[in-house]
Each structure stands twice: as structure tokens, then as C-alpha cells.
Amino acid sequence: MRAGRLVHAIGAVFPLAEIAAAHEAVEAGDRVGNVVLRVRG
């Protein structure tokens, strides 16, 4: 946290239709940062 700001690390973004692949990415544990599911567009 710098100067009262929170910095997020996003490791991957998956569309909701690829939720299985997103889950596999989390389980593999080889990504740095969070895995995000894109719900719209």
C-alpha cells in the first residue's frame, strides 16, 4: 500500500464461459496475482 492506495495484481482474466479454465489456473498456482472472471462483454 502506497500513500493510502491499494494496488491489485491481476494475473489473468477469463470470460465467465471459461470458468473451468479459470479454476484450473487457480489450482495450478503458477500465476502471480489474482484470476479475474469477466461477467460482461
PDB file of N, CA and C in Angstrom:
ATOM      1  N   MET A   1       0.850  -1.167   0.000  1.00  0.00           N
ATOM      2  CA  MET A   1       0.000   0.000   0.000  1.00  0.00           C
ATOM      3  C   MET A   1       0.900   1.236   0.000  1.00  0.00           C
ATOM      4  N   ARG A   2       0.700   2.064  -0.975  1.00  0.00           N
ATOM      5  CA  ARG A   2       1.484   3.297  -1.085  1.00  0.00           C
ATOM      6  C   ARG A   2       0.567   4.496  -0.972  1.00  0.00           C
ATOM      7  N   ALA A   3       0.886   5.385  -0.092  1.00  0.00           N
ATOM      8  CA  ALA A   3       0.154   6.647   0.050  1.00  0.00           C
ATOM      9  C   ALA A   3      -1.353   6.428   0.143  1.00  0.00           C
ATOM     10  N   GLY A   4      -1.756   5.407   0.892  1.00  0.00           N
ATOM     11  CA  GLY A   4      -3.179   5.143   1.081  1.00  0.00           C
ATOM     12  C   GLY A   4      -3.868   4.501  -0.115  1.00  0.00           C
ATOM     13  N   ARG A   5      -3.098   4.014  -1.084  1.00  0.00           N
ATOM     14  CA  ARG A   5      -3.691   3.388  -2.262  1.00  0.00           C
ATOM     15  C   ARG A   5      -3.387   1.899  -2.256  1.00  0.00           C
ATOM     16  N   LEU A   6      -4.346   1.125  -2.674  1.00  0.00           N
ATOM     17  CA  LEU A   6      -4.188  -0.328  -2.759  1.00  0.00           C
ATOM     18  C   LEU A   6      -3.918  -0.693  -4.207  1.00  0.00           C
ATOM     19  N   VAL A   7      -2.872  -1.466  -4.439  1.00  0.00           N
ATOM     20  CA  VAL A   7      -2.509  -1.870  -5.791  1.00  0.00           C
ATOM     21  C   VAL A   7      -2.840  -3.355  -5.945  1.00  0.00           C
ATOM     22  N   HIS A   8      -3.613  -3.686  -6.978  1.00  0.00           N
ATOM     23  CA  HIS A   8      -4.008  -5.070  -7.230  1.00  0.00           C
ATOM     24  C   HIS A   8      -3.126  -5.671  -8.313  1.00  0.00           C
ATOM     25  N   ALA A   9      -2.770  -6.916  -8.138  1.00  0.00           N
ATOM     26  CA  ALA A   9      -2.017  -7.642  -9.168  1.00  0.00           C
ATOM     27  C   ALA A   9      -2.973  -8.624  -9.830  1.00  0.00           C
ATOM     28  N   ILE A  10      -3.236  -8.431 -11.117  1.00  0.00           N
ATOM     29  CA  ILE A  10      -4.123  -9.328 -11.857  1.00  0.00           C
ATOM     30  C   ILE A  10      -3.252 -10.212 -12.731  1.00  0.00           C
ATOM     31  N   GLY A  11      -3.332 -11.512 -12.480  1.00  0.00           N
ATOM     32  CA  GLY A  11      -2.515 -12.471 -13.221  1.00  0.00           C
ATOM     33  C   GLY A  11      -3.163 -12.953 -14.498  1.00  0.00           C
ATOM     34  N   ALA A  12      -4.497 -13.005 -14.529  1.00  0.00           N
ATOM     35  CA  ALA A  12      -5.207 -13.484 -15.718  1.00  0.00           C
ATOM     36  C   ALA A  12      -6.660 -13.052 -15.649  1.00  0.00           C
ATOM     37  N   VAL A  13      -7.260 -12.874 -16.825  1.00  0.00           N
ATOM     38  CA  VAL A  13      -8.679 -12.537 -16.933  1.00  0.00           C
ATOM     39  C   VAL A  13      -9.331 -13.553 -17.853  1.00  0.00           C
ATOM     40  N   PHE A  14     -10.413 -14.165 -17.384  1.00  0.00           N
ATOM     41  CA  PHE A  14     -11.141 -15.159 -18.159  1.00  0.00           C
ATOM     42  C   PHE A  14     -12.593 -14.731 -18.302  1.00  0.00           C
ATOM     43  N   PRO A  15     -13.203 -14.987 -19.469  1.00  0.00           N
ATOM     44  CA  PRO A  15     -14.643 -14.754 -19.584  1.00  0.00           C
ATOM     45  C   PRO A  15     -15.378 -15.801 -18.748  1.00  0.00           C
ATOM     46  N   LEU A  16     -16.573 -15.476 -18.317  1.00  0.00           N
ATOM     47  CA  LEU A  16     -17.341 -16.387 -17.468  1.00  0.00           C
ATOM     48  C   LEU A  16     -17.534 -17.748 -18.123  1.00  0.00           C
ATOM     49  N   ALA A  17     -17.629 -17.760 -19.448  1.00  0.00           N
ATOM     50  CA  ALA A  17     -17.814 -19.024 -20.176  1.00  0.00           C
ATOM     51  C   ALA A  17     -16.624 -19.972 -20.005  1.00  0.00           C
ATOM     52  N   GLU A  18     -15.468 -19.440 -19.598  1.00  0.00           N
ATOM     53  CA  GLU A  18     -14.266 -20.257 -19.406  1.00  0.00           C
ATOM     54  C   GLU A  18     -13.949 -20.449 -17.932  1.00  0.00           C
ATOM     55  N   ILE A  19     -14.983 -20.587 -17.131  1.00  0.00           N
ATOM     56  CA  ILE A  19     -14.789 -20.702 -15.681  1.00  0.00           C
ATOM     57  C   ILE A  19     -13.966 -21.934 -15.302  1.00  0.00           C
ATOM     58  N   ALA A  20     -14.092 -23.013 -16.069  1.00  0.00           N
ATOM     59  CA  ALA A  20     -13.303 -24.215 -15.773  1.00  0.00           C
ATOM     60  C   ALA A  20     -11.814 -23.929 -15.955  1.00  0.00           C
ATOM     61  N   ALA A  21     -11.459 -23.214 -17.014  1.00  0.00           N
ATOM     62  CA  ALA A  21     -10.053 -22.865 -17.242  1.00  0.00           C
ATOM     63  C   ALA A  21      -9.543 -21.929 -16.151  1.00  0.00           C
ATOM     64  N   ALA A  22     -10.392 -21.014 -15.705  1.00  0.00           N
ATOM     65  CA  ALA A  22     -10.008 -20.108 -14.628  1.00  0.00           C
ATOM     66  C   ALA A  22      -9.736 -20.891 -13.346  1.00  0.00           C
ATOM     67  N   HIS A  23     -10.588 -21.849 -13.067  1.00  0.00           N
ATOM     68  CA  HIS A  23     -10.408 -22.677 -11.869  1.00  0.00           C
ATOM     69  C   HIS A  23      -9.110 -23.467 -11.965  1.00  0.00           C
ATOM     70  N   GLU A  24      -8.818 -24.003 -13.125  1.00  0.00           N
ATOM     71  CA  GLU A  24      -7.568 -24.741 -13.319  1.00  0.00           C
ATOM     72  C   GLU A  24      -6.354 -23.840 -13.103  1.00  0.00           C
ATOM     73  N   ALA A  25      -6.450 -22.594 -13.570  1.00  0.00           N
ATOM     74  CA  ALA A  25      -5.350 -21.646 -13.382  1.00  0.00           C
ATOM     75  C   ALA A  25      -5.108 -21.374 -11.903  1.00  0.00           C
ATOM     76  N   VAL A  26      -6.184 -21.258 -11.138  1.00  0.00           N
ATOM     77  CA  VAL A  26      -6.053 -21.030  -9.694  1.00  0.00           C
ATOM     78  C   VAL A  26      -5.444 -22.253  -9.028  1.00  0.00           C
ATOM     79  N   GLU A  27      -5.944 -23.417  -9.373  1.00  0.00           N
ATOM     80  CA  GLU A  27      -5.452 -24.653  -8.762  1.00  0.00           C
ATOM     81  C   GLU A  27      -3.983 -24.911  -9.095  1.00  0.00           C
ATOM     82  N   ALA A  28      -3.551 -24.542 -10.295  1.00  0.00           N
ATOM     83  CA  ALA A  28      -2.165 -24.770 -10.708  1.00  0.00           C
ATOM     84  C   ALA A  28      -1.201 -23.950  -9.858  1.00  0.00           C
ATOM     85  N   GLY A  29      -1.656 -22.771  -9.427  1.00  0.00           N
ATOM     86  CA  GLY A  29      -0.846 -21.946  -8.541  1.00  0.00           C
ATOM     87  C   GLY A  29       0.395 -21.358  -9.184  1.00  0.00           C
ATOM     88  N   ASP A  30       0.475 -21.359 -10.505  1.00  0.00           N
ATOM     89  CA  ASP A  30       1.679 -20.855 -11.164  1.00  0.00           C
ATOM     90  C   ASP A  30       1.537 -19.416 -11.645  1.00  0.00           C
ATOM     91  N   ARG A  31       0.457 -18.747 -11.310  1.00  0.00           N
ATOM     92  CA  ARG A  31       0.235 -17.361 -11.722  1.00  0.00           C
ATOM     93  C   ARG A  31       0.584 -16.427 -10.571  1.00  0.00           C
ATOM     94  N   VAL A  32       1.077 -15.264 -10.943  1.00  0.00           N
ATOM     95  CA  VAL A  32       1.304 -14.219  -9.961  1.00  0.00           C
ATOM     96  C   VAL A  32       0.136 -13.260 -10.072  1.00  0.00           C
ATOM     97  N   GLY A  33      -0.557 -13.046  -8.997  1.00  0.00           N
ATOM     98  CA  GLY A  33      -1.714 -12.153  -8.991  1.00  0.00           C
ATOM     99  C   GLY A  33      -3.009 -12.938  -8.979  1.00  0.00           C
ATOM    100  N   ASN A  34      -4.086 -12.196  -9.011  1.00  0.00           N
ATOM    101  CA  ASN A  34      -5.417 -12.787  -8.935  1.00  0.00           C
ATOM    102  C   ASN A  34      -5.919 -13.215 -10.302  1.00  0.00           C
ATOM    103  N   VAL A  35      -6.841 -14.171 -10.292  1.00  0.00           N
ATOM    104  CA  VAL A  35      -7.536 -14.586 -11.504  1.00  0.00           C
ATOM    105  C   VAL A  35      -8.904 -13.931 -11.454  1.00  0.00           C
ATOM    106  N   VAL A  36      -9.263 -13.227 -12.512  1.00  0.00           N
ATOM    107  CA  VAL A  36     -10.499 -12.455 -12.578  1.00  0.00           C
ATOM    108  C   VAL A  36     -11.434 -13.081 -13.597  1.00  0.00           C
ATOM    109  N   LEU A  37     -12.723 -13.172 -13.238  1.00  0.00           N
ATOM    110  CA  LEU A  37     -13.761 -13.618 -14.184  1.00  0.00           C
ATOM    111  C   LEU A  37     -14.475 -12.396 -14.737  1.00  0.00           C
ATOM    112  N   ARG A  38     -14.503 -12.296 -16.060  1.00  0.00           N
ATOM    113  CA  ARG A  38     -15.191 -11.186 -16.718  1.00  0.00           C
ATOM    114  C   ARG A  38     -16.638 -11.617 -16.952  1.00  0.00           C
ATOM    115  N   VAL A  39     -17.596 -10.902 -16.369  1.00  0.00           N
ATOM    116  CA  VAL A  39     -19.001 -11.268 -16.441  1.00  0.00           C
ATOM    117  C   VAL A  39     -19.684 -10.630 -17.645  1.00  0.00           C
ATOM    118  N   ARG A  40     -19.308  -9.422 -17.971  1.00  0.00           N
ATOM    119  CA  ARG A  40     -19.910  -8.721 -19.116  1.00  0.00           C
ATOM    120  C   ARG A  40     -18.854  -8.426 -20.167  1.00  0.00           C
ATOM    121  N   GLY A  41     -19.314  -8.447 -21.418  1.00  0.00           N
ATOM    122  CA  GLY A  41     -18.520  -8.019 -22.557  1.00  0.00           C
ATOM    123  C   GLY A  41     -17.153  -8.453 -22.553  1.00  0.00           C
TER     124      GLY A  41
END
